[in-house]
């Protein structure tokens, strides 16, 4: 029996390890071995698209039975559940840290506190209400397309955020999460393809632009307030990009 060359087997293993690492990190889906997070960033937009597809499928499947509002609420709930509320946790912690008065050390200390404060609670409520309100106004097909695109672009914005900002601490996820050139190229290709293929050229470019602007603003903001990125700011960037992309798509499609 012919065997694949060792370098081919190595490439397949590297690819699987990266994909498994992205799935294990970004979702609650268990994969054997857990993969390698160091090779995972390039797969983030693809896994994000799959998460958005799950949420969009819930919306499409339940809308005829429950109507758009209830189906949208359950779609958002499915998206949060399958990710283990990873990005929402980051959003809440980041809002709490940026909402307190004090220097960078004080903000970073608050962000490490596991309890949710007023600013974190308000951020989560605002994120949920805005996302539900936007998706409720879309047809089931457009909601599916928007959720898949937002899932991919939200994780793409994480890569951009990581590339554009240094770690705020010497330890933690923000310090350990690195995005190489090839990972950024691969993730960007998936994000661009998902946005344009699903949303069309005009809407897709608008969504890409929205995610890019959000990522740039997040980089500038954390550089000025925290000195750089943390695991929480990475998650917050993904959550905010998701809702911004959906809102921009609604505006383009309604226009």
Protein backbone atom coordinates (compact mmCIF):
# COMPACT_ATOMS: atom_id res chain seq x y z
CA UNK A 1 0.00 0.00 0.00
CA UNK A 2 1.30 3.41 -0.94
CA UNK A 3 1.75 5.89 1.88
CA UNK A 4 1.63 9.64 1.63
CA UNK A 5 5.01 11.33 1.94
CA UNK A 6 5.96 12.33 5.47
CA UNK A 7 5.73 16.03 4.66
CA UNK A 8 2.16 15.58 3.40
CA UNK A 9 1.17 13.69 6.52
CA UNK A 10 2.77 16.42 8.56
CA UNK A 11 0.83 19.12 6.72
CA UNK A 12 -2.46 17.25 7.22
CA UNK A 13 -1.75 16.83 10.91
CA UNK A 14 -0.81 20.48 11.28
CA UNK A 15 -4.03 21.56 9.57
CA UNK A 16 -6.19 19.25 11.67
CA UNK A 17 -4.42 20.29 14.85
CA UNK A 18 -5.09 23.96 14.07
CA UNK A 19 -8.74 23.36 13.21
CA UNK A 20 -9.25 21.23 16.31
CA UNK A 21 -7.61 23.92 18.40
CA UNK A 22 -9.92 26.60 16.97
CA UNK A 23 -13.05 24.49 17.51
CA UNK A 24 -12.03 23.53 21.04
CA UNK A 25 -11.17 27.11 22.00
CA UNK A 26 -14.06 28.91 20.34
CA UNK A 27 -16.86 26.44 21.11
CA UNK A 28 -17.94 23.87 23.66
CA UNK A 29 -17.62 21.09 21.07
CA UNK A 30 -15.09 18.54 22.36
CA UNK A 31 -12.50 17.23 19.93
CA UNK A 32 -9.99 14.55 20.80
CA UNK A 33 -6.68 15.96 21.94
CA UNK A 34 -7.92 19.55 21.95
CA UNK A 35 -5.71 20.56 19.02
CA UNK A 36 -3.03 23.22 19.09
CA UNK A 37 -4.06 26.80 19.84
CA UNK A 38 -0.82 28.09 18.35
CA UNK A 39 -1.95 26.83 14.94
CA UNK A 40 -5.60 27.78 15.45
CA UNK A 41 -5.91 31.51 14.56
CA UNK A 42 -6.06 30.97 10.81
CA UNK A 43 -9.13 28.77 11.33
CA UNK A 44 -11.01 31.25 13.52
CA UNK A 45 -13.17 32.80 10.75
CA UNK A 46 -14.18 29.36 9.44
CA UNK A 47 -15.24 28.19 12.89
CA UNK A 48 -17.03 31.51 13.41
CA UNK A 49 -18.92 30.99 10.17
CA UNK A 50 -20.00 27.55 11.38
CA UNK A 51 -21.25 29.03 14.66
CA UNK A 52 -23.20 31.64 12.71
CA UNK A 53 -24.59 28.90 10.48
CA UNK A 54 -25.88 27.05 13.53
CA UNK A 55 -27.58 30.17 14.86
CA UNK A 56 -28.99 30.99 11.44
CA UNK A 57 -30.30 27.46 11.10
CA UNK A 58 -32.17 27.85 14.36
CA UNK A 59 -33.74 31.06 13.08
CA UNK A 60 -34.73 29.49 9.74
CA UNK A 61 -36.08 26.34 11.33
CA UNK A 62 -38.10 27.93 14.11
CA UNK A 63 -39.47 31.05 12.43
CA UNK A 64 -42.41 29.25 10.74
CA UNK A 65 -43.44 27.84 14.12
CA UNK A 66 -42.63 30.62 16.59
CA UNK A 67 -42.40 33.76 14.47
CA UNK A 68 -39.34 35.95 13.86
CA UNK A 69 -38.94 37.44 17.35
CA UNK A 70 -38.91 34.21 19.35
CA UNK A 71 -36.89 32.44 16.66
CA UNK A 72 -34.32 35.24 16.72
CA UNK A 73 -34.02 35.12 20.51
CA UNK A 74 -33.42 31.38 20.39
CA UNK A 75 -30.92 31.78 17.53
CA UNK A 76 -28.89 34.25 19.58
CA UNK A 77 -29.16 31.95 22.60
CA UNK A 78 -27.86 29.04 20.51
CA UNK A 79 -24.92 31.14 19.36
CA UNK A 80 -24.04 32.08 22.93
CA UNK A 81 -24.46 28.54 24.25
CA UNK A 82 -22.34 26.81 21.59
CA UNK A 83 -19.49 29.26 22.24
CA UNK A 84 -19.77 28.91 26.01
CA UNK A 85 -20.48 32.68 26.19
CA UNK A 86 -16.77 33.16 25.51
CA UNK A 87 -17.05 36.48 23.72
CA UNK A 88 -19.86 37.78 25.90
CA UNK A 89 -17.72 37.14 28.98
CA UNK A 90 -14.95 39.16 27.37
CA UNK A 91 -17.37 41.96 26.51
CA UNK A 92 -18.67 42.16 30.07
CA UNK A 93 -15.20 42.11 31.65
CA UNK A 94 -13.90 44.72 29.20
CA UNK A 95 -16.85 47.02 29.86
CA UNK A 96 -16.33 46.71 33.61
CA UNK A 97 -12.62 47.43 33.28
CA UNK A 98 -13.05 50.44 31.02
CA UNK A 99 -15.94 51.75 33.10
CA UNK A 100 -14.06 52.15 36.37
CA UNK A 101 -12.02 55.16 37.32
CA UNK A 102 -8.34 54.65 37.78
CA UNK A 103 -5.12 53.86 35.98
CA UNK A 104 -4.33 50.93 33.71
CA UNK A 105 -3.42 48.66 36.60
CA UNK A 106 -6.78 49.29 38.24
CA UNK A 107 -8.67 48.58 35.02
CA UNK A 108 -6.76 45.38 34.37
CA UNK A 109 -7.39 44.21 37.92
CA UNK A 110 -11.14 44.78 37.55
CA UNK A 111 -11.14 42.86 34.27
CA UNK A 112 -9.64 39.85 36.03
CA UNK A 113 -12.42 39.83 38.61
CA UNK A 114 -14.86 37.05 37.72
CA UNK A 115 -17.91 38.96 38.97
CA UNK A 116 -19.94 41.11 36.58
CA UNK A 117 -20.42 44.76 37.46
CA UNK A 118 -22.92 47.36 36.30
CA UNK A 119 -21.02 48.28 33.15
CA UNK A 120 -20.62 44.64 32.18
CA UNK A 121 -24.31 43.93 32.71
CA UNK A 122 -25.32 46.97 30.66
CA UNK A 123 -22.97 45.93 27.86
CA UNK A 124 -24.46 42.45 27.70
CA UNK A 125 -28.04 43.76 27.76
CA UNK A 126 -27.26 46.30 25.05
CA UNK A 127 -25.50 43.72 22.88
CA UNK A 128 -28.37 41.26 23.15
CA UNK A 129 -31.14 43.79 22.55
CA UNK A 130 -29.41 45.35 19.56
CA UNK A 131 -28.59 42.02 17.92
CA UNK A 132 -32.13 40.69 18.40
CA UNK A 133 -33.66 43.95 17.15
CA UNK A 134 -31.50 43.90 14.01
CA UNK A 135 -31.99 40.23 13.15
CA UNK A 136 -35.73 40.44 13.79
CA UNK A 137 -36.05 42.85 10.86
CA UNK A 138 -34.34 40.49 8.43
CA UNK A 139 -35.97 37.68 6.50
CA UNK A 140 -34.95 34.21 7.58
CA UNK A 141 -32.63 33.84 4.57
CA UNK A 142 -30.99 37.21 5.14
CA UNK A 143 -30.69 36.47 8.86
CA UNK A 144 -28.87 33.23 8.06
CA UNK A 145 -26.51 34.99 5.66
CA UNK A 146 -25.89 37.80 8.15
CA UNK A 147 -25.15 35.44 11.02
CA UNK A 148 -22.68 33.37 9.01
CA UNK A 149 -20.92 36.47 7.71
CA UNK A 150 -20.91 38.08 11.16
CA UNK A 151 -19.52 34.91 12.69
CA UNK A 152 -16.63 34.86 10.22
CA UNK A 153 -15.96 38.59 10.36
CA UNK A 154 -16.22 38.70 14.14
CA UNK A 155 -13.36 36.18 14.44
CA UNK A 156 -11.45 37.96 11.68
CA UNK A 157 -11.62 41.12 13.76
CA UNK A 158 -10.04 39.15 16.61
CA UNK A 159 -7.04 38.42 14.39
CA UNK A 160 -6.76 42.09 13.42
CA UNK A 161 -7.08 43.15 17.05
CA UNK A 162 -4.29 40.77 18.06
CA UNK A 163 -2.00 41.91 15.25
CA UNK A 164 -2.57 45.60 15.94
CA UNK A 165 -2.14 45.69 19.71
CA UNK A 166 0.62 44.43 22.02
CA UNK A 167 -0.19 42.37 25.12
CA UNK A 168 -1.30 44.47 28.08
CA UNK A 169 0.11 41.91 30.52
CA UNK A 170 3.08 39.58 30.49
CA UNK A 171 0.79 36.62 31.16
CA UNK A 172 -2.69 35.48 30.19
CA UNK A 173 -4.38 34.77 26.88
CA UNK A 174 -3.61 38.20 25.46
CA UNK A 175 0.10 37.55 25.83
CA UNK A 176 -0.02 33.96 24.64
CA UNK A 177 -2.24 34.52 21.61
CA UNK A 178 -0.14 35.18 18.53
CA UNK A 179 -1.25 35.58 14.92
CA UNK A 180 1.35 34.82 12.26
CA UNK A 181 1.37 36.18 8.73
CA UNK A 182 0.04 33.00 7.13
CA UNK A 183 -2.73 32.69 9.73
CA UNK A 184 -3.78 36.27 9.03
CA UNK A 185 -3.78 35.69 5.27
CA UNK A 186 -5.77 32.45 5.56
CA UNK A 187 -8.28 33.93 8.00
CA UNK A 188 -8.70 37.04 5.87
CA UNK A 189 -9.35 34.95 2.76
CA UNK A 190 -12.11 33.02 4.51
CA UNK A 191 -13.65 36.21 5.91
CA UNK A 192 -13.67 37.98 2.55
CA UNK A 193 -15.04 34.93 0.74
CA UNK A 194 -17.81 34.41 3.30
CA UNK A 195 -18.90 38.05 3.28
CA UNK A 196 -19.03 38.48 -0.49
CA UNK A 197 -20.36 35.02 -1.36
CA UNK A 198 -23.21 35.22 1.14
CA UNK A 199 -24.07 38.92 1.11
CA UNK A 200 -23.17 40.05 -2.41
CA UNK A 201 -20.42 42.42 -3.45
CA UNK A 202 -21.87 45.68 -2.12
CA UNK A 203 -23.23 44.35 1.17
CA UNK A 204 -20.24 42.08 1.63
CA UNK A 205 -17.75 44.92 1.20
CA UNK A 206 -19.79 47.06 3.58
CA UNK A 207 -19.70 44.27 6.17
CA UNK A 208 -15.95 43.84 5.69
CA UNK A 209 -15.43 47.56 6.07
CA UNK A 210 -17.51 47.63 9.25
CA UNK A 211 -15.53 44.78 10.80
CA UNK A 212 -12.25 46.42 9.80
CA UNK A 213 -13.23 49.80 11.27
CA UNK A 214 -14.41 48.13 14.47
CA UNK A 215 -11.13 46.25 14.77
CA UNK A 216 -9.07 49.41 14.21
CA UNK A 217 -11.09 51.37 16.76
CA UNK A 218 -10.75 48.57 19.28
CA UNK A 219 -6.99 48.54 18.79
CA UNK A 220 -6.71 52.29 19.28
CA UNK A 221 -8.95 52.20 22.33
CA UNK A 222 -7.16 49.40 24.18
CA UNK A 223 -3.77 50.89 23.38
CA UNK A 224 -4.81 54.14 25.01
CA UNK A 225 -6.69 52.76 28.00
CA UNK A 226 -5.09 49.41 28.81
CA UNK A 227 -1.76 49.50 27.04
CA UNK A 228 -2.74 46.66 24.74
CA UNK A 229 -4.84 43.56 24.34
CA UNK A 230 -6.04 40.98 26.81
CA UNK A 231 -8.10 37.83 26.36
CA UNK A 232 -11.14 39.87 27.35
CA UNK A 233 -10.57 42.56 24.72
CA UNK A 234 -10.17 39.87 22.07
CA UNK A 235 -13.57 38.44 23.02
CA UNK A 236 -15.19 41.86 23.24
CA UNK A 237 -13.94 42.71 19.75
CA UNK A 238 -15.58 39.58 18.33
CA UNK A 239 -18.91 40.25 20.04
CA UNK A 240 -19.03 43.89 18.98
CA UNK A 241 -18.03 43.08 15.41
CA UNK A 242 -20.85 40.56 15.15
CA UNK A 243 -23.54 43.06 16.05
CA UNK A 244 -21.99 45.87 13.98
CA UNK A 245 -21.80 43.65 10.89
CA UNK A 246 -25.43 42.58 11.26
CA UNK A 247 -26.52 46.20 11.71
CA UNK A 248 -24.62 47.35 8.63
CA UNK A 249 -26.06 44.52 6.55
CA UNK A 250 -29.56 45.47 7.65
CA UNK A 251 -28.95 49.04 6.57
CA UNK A 252 -27.59 48.03 3.17
CA UNK A 253 -30.33 45.52 2.45
CA UNK A 254 -33.10 47.89 3.52
CA UNK A 255 -31.62 50.67 1.45
